Amino acid sequence: MRKLVLFMHVSLDGYASDSNGGLGWIPYNEEFEKYAEEVVAEVGSPVYGRTTYRMMESYWPTVLDDPDASTHDLEHAKWVEDVKKIVISSTMDKAEWNNTIVIRDNIAEEINALKEQPGKNLVIFGSPGAAKTMLALGLIDELLLTICPVVLGSGKSAFDGGLEAIRLKLLSSRTFHSGIIATRYALEK
């Protein structure tokens, strides 16, 4: 059975984006890029909320035609173009991007059916709103959190308001030269 894994960059105070929705506070570098490649290698289908999906849909297809794109970006753009993508949204009727399905209703049933299929894990990329919904529904099996060395003070979080206490078991952690701590937790159910 596949797992539903949340992969999210968070500030030290738990925000997944700043108050303007920005991600410029995440210290990307070669070491962090290699870690992201490791994470993508275990993904059978990326899962997005509407906002993150729209951001990805508007960016990654353009990379395929960019003569200045890095090898890493081109490889990721090809992967994300072809992989089966899942969007959790109550407002989208359909998705235009290649090989994308939209789940509007019956989220628990639809995600559980996808988890029963063979293959690599379903991985939520960012998407704090969709992540919060799936945490509340008890669908997430693991958290991959990259804790960045910054305090934002405000922003968007997957962990604020309305959630019951969630107990976690640390499976692994590692520290990068930039000060980012990459953690993997299992949810104790």
Protein backbone atom coordinates (compact mmCIF):
# COMPACT_ATOMS: atom_id res chain seq x y z
CA MET A 1 0.00 0.00 0.00
CA ARG A 2 1.28 3.42 -0.94
CA LYS A 3 1.66 6.16 1.63
CA LEU A 4 0.50 9.75 1.49
CA VAL A 5 3.53 11.84 2.44
CA LEU A 6 3.56 15.59 3.08
CA PHE A 7 6.76 17.26 1.81
CA MET A 8 6.86 20.83 3.02
CA HIS A 9 9.43 23.54 3.65
CA VAL A 10 8.62 25.35 6.89
CA SER A 11 10.05 28.26 8.80
CA LEU A 12 11.18 27.70 12.36
CA ASP A 13 7.79 29.06 13.47
CA GLY A 14 5.90 26.64 11.21
CA TYR A 15 4.93 28.71 8.16
CA ALA A 16 5.01 27.22 4.66
CA SER A 17 4.96 30.63 2.96
CA ASP A 18 5.39 34.21 4.03
CA SER A 19 2.45 36.59 4.45
CA ASN A 20 2.54 37.36 0.69
CA GLY A 21 2.60 33.67 -0.28
CA GLY A 22 6.29 33.92 -1.14
CA LEU A 23 8.98 31.27 -0.76
CA GLY A 24 12.08 33.43 -1.19
CA TRP A 25 13.17 32.68 2.37
CA ILE A 26 14.04 29.05 1.50
CA PRO A 27 17.83 28.79 1.04
CA TYR A 28 18.10 26.72 -2.16
CA ASN A 29 21.55 25.50 -3.08
CA GLU A 30 23.16 22.45 -4.69
CA GLU A 31 23.04 20.38 -1.48
CA PHE A 32 19.34 21.12 -0.99
CA GLU A 33 18.63 20.45 -4.68
CA LYS A 34 20.15 16.95 -4.34
CA TYR A 35 17.91 16.29 -1.34
CA ALA A 36 14.86 17.37 -3.35
CA GLU A 37 15.90 14.92 -6.08
CA GLU A 38 15.99 12.12 -3.47
CA VAL A 39 12.46 13.02 -2.40
CA VAL A 40 11.17 13.16 -5.99
CA ALA A 41 12.66 9.70 -6.63
CA GLU A 42 10.13 8.20 -4.19
CA VAL A 43 7.11 9.98 -5.73
CA GLY A 44 4.53 8.04 -7.71
CA SER A 45 2.16 11.01 -8.00
CA PRO A 46 2.55 14.57 -6.76
CA VAL A 47 -0.47 15.96 -4.91
CA TYR A 48 -1.22 19.69 -4.92
CA GLY A 49 -3.79 22.09 -3.61
CA ARG A 50 -5.26 24.47 -6.18
CA THR A 51 -2.87 27.37 -5.50
CA THR A 52 0.30 25.27 -5.64
CA TYR A 53 -1.01 23.41 -8.69
CA ARG A 54 -1.61 26.69 -10.56
CA MET A 55 1.89 27.85 -9.66
CA MET A 56 3.43 24.59 -10.93
CA GLU A 57 1.24 24.50 -14.04
CA SER A 58 2.30 28.02 -15.01
CA TYR A 59 6.01 27.37 -14.49
CA TRP A 60 7.20 23.83 -15.27
CA PRO A 61 5.87 23.49 -18.85
CA THR A 62 7.76 26.70 -19.77
CA VAL A 63 11.04 25.15 -18.64
CA LEU A 64 10.78 22.53 -21.40
CA ASP A 65 11.22 25.28 -24.01
CA ASP A 66 13.82 27.30 -22.13
CA PRO A 67 17.25 26.96 -23.79
CA ASP A 68 18.90 28.33 -20.62
CA ALA A 69 17.25 25.85 -18.23
CA SER A 70 19.60 23.79 -16.09
CA THR A 71 19.85 20.03 -16.56
CA HIS A 72 18.20 19.57 -13.15
CA ASP A 73 15.26 21.82 -14.08
CA LEU A 74 14.82 20.16 -17.48
CA GLU A 75 14.78 16.69 -15.93
CA HIS A 76 12.25 17.77 -13.33
CA ALA A 77 10.10 19.53 -15.94
CA LYS A 78 10.01 16.34 -18.06
CA TRP A 79 9.13 14.25 -15.02
CA VAL A 80 6.35 16.53 -13.82
CA GLU A 81 4.94 16.84 -17.34
CA ASP A 82 4.51 13.08 -17.67
CA VAL A 83 3.70 11.96 -14.11
CA LYS A 84 0.10 11.55 -12.96
CA LYS A 85 -0.69 14.68 -10.95
CA ILE A 86 -3.49 14.99 -8.37
CA VAL A 87 -5.16 18.26 -7.39
CA ILE A 88 -7.33 18.63 -4.29
CA SER A 89 -9.75 21.50 -4.94
CA SER A 90 -13.41 22.20 -4.25
CA THR A 91 -13.42 25.01 -6.82
CA MET A 92 -11.73 23.48 -9.89
CA ASP A 93 -13.88 21.52 -12.31
CA LYS A 94 -11.05 20.26 -14.48
CA ALA A 95 -7.31 20.63 -14.99
CA GLU A 96 -5.72 21.57 -18.29
CA TRP A 97 -2.20 20.32 -17.54
CA ASN A 98 -1.25 16.96 -19.02
CA ASN A 99 -2.11 13.85 -16.97
CA THR A 100 -3.85 15.63 -14.05
CA ILE A 101 -6.90 14.54 -12.09
CA VAL A 102 -8.96 16.78 -9.81
CA ILE A 103 -10.49 15.51 -6.58
CA ARG A 104 -13.34 17.81 -5.53
CA ASP A 105 -15.45 15.62 -3.27
CA ASN A 106 -15.08 12.46 -1.22
CA ILE A 107 -11.42 13.28 -0.59
CA ALA A 108 -10.88 10.48 1.94
CA GLU A 109 -12.40 7.83 -0.32
CA GLU A 110 -10.54 9.04 -3.42
CA ILE A 111 -7.16 9.29 -1.68
CA ASN A 112 -7.57 5.92 0.03
CA ALA A 113 -8.40 4.35 -3.34
CA LEU A 114 -5.23 5.87 -4.82
CA LYS A 115 -3.18 4.62 -1.85
CA GLU A 116 -4.43 1.08 -2.59
CA GLN A 117 -2.97 1.18 -6.11
CA PRO A 118 0.52 -0.23 -6.70
CA GLY A 119 3.45 2.09 -7.15
CA LYS A 120 5.46 4.74 -5.39
CA ASN A 121 4.06 7.08 -2.74
CA LEU A 122 1.66 9.97 -3.20
CA VAL A 123 3.48 13.11 -2.08
CA ILE A 124 1.88 16.45 -1.26
CA PHE A 125 4.21 19.25 -2.32
CA GLY A 126 3.69 22.26 -0.07
CA SER A 127 0.00 23.07 -0.42
CA PRO A 128 -0.69 23.99 3.22
CA GLY A 129 -4.48 24.25 2.73
CA ALA A 130 -4.80 20.81 1.13
CA ALA A 131 -2.33 19.39 3.66
CA LYS A 132 -4.41 20.74 6.54
CA THR A 133 -7.54 19.12 5.06
CA MET A 134 -5.81 15.77 4.67
CA LEU A 135 -4.27 15.94 8.15
CA ALA A 136 -7.75 16.57 9.58
CA LEU A 137 -9.07 13.57 7.63
CA GLY A 138 -6.25 11.36 8.96
CA LEU A 139 -4.96 10.58 5.46
CA ILE A 140 -1.30 11.58 5.83
CA ASP A 141 1.10 8.79 6.83
CA GLU A 142 4.41 10.66 6.96
CA LEU A 143 5.74 14.21 7.12
CA LEU A 144 8.92 15.24 5.32
CA LEU A 145 9.59 18.67 6.76
CA THR A 146 12.55 20.81 5.85
CA ILE A 147 12.86 23.25 8.71
CA CYS A 148 14.52 26.43 7.47
CA PRO A 149 16.56 28.70 9.74
CA VAL A 150 14.21 31.69 9.57
CA VAL A 151 11.39 33.05 11.71
CA LEU A 152 8.69 34.61 9.50
CA GLY A 153 6.28 35.80 12.18
CA SER A 154 3.27 35.26 9.92
CA GLY A 155 2.27 33.44 6.77
CA LYS A 156 0.38 30.32 5.79
CA SER A 157 0.63 27.16 7.87
CA ALA A 158 -0.68 23.62 7.54
CA PHE A 159 -0.62 23.20 11.28
CA ASP A 160 -2.58 26.13 12.71
CA GLY A 161 -6.18 26.20 13.88
CA GLY A 162 -8.70 23.40 13.93
CA LEU A 163 -6.45 20.37 14.14
CA GLU A 164 -6.42 17.89 16.97
CA ALA A 165 -3.04 17.04 18.51
CA ILE A 166 -1.02 14.88 16.14
CA ARG A 167 1.61 12.60 17.64
CA LEU A 168 4.70 12.00 15.53
CA LYS A 169 7.55 9.51 15.60
CA LEU A 170 10.90 10.74 14.27
CA LEU A 171 12.18 8.37 11.58
CA SER A 172 15.21 10.36 10.44
CA SER A 173 16.81 13.78 10.39
CA ARG A 174 19.78 15.41 8.78
CA THR A 175 21.27 18.87 8.84
CA PHE A 176 22.50 20.75 5.78
CA HIS A 177 25.33 23.28 5.68
CA SER A 178 22.74 26.03 5.13
CA GLY A 179 21.20 25.25 8.53
CA ILE A 180 18.14 23.49 7.10
CA ILE A 181 17.10 20.41 9.04
CA ALA A 182 15.37 17.74 6.94
CA THR A 183 13.11 15.56 9.07
CA ARG A 184 10.94 12.54 8.38
CA TYR A 185 8.15 11.71 10.81
CA ALA A 186 5.56 8.94 10.85
CA LEU A 187 2.14 9.84 12.20
CA GLU A 188 1.23 7.69 15.15
CA LYS A 189 -2.25 6.39 14.43
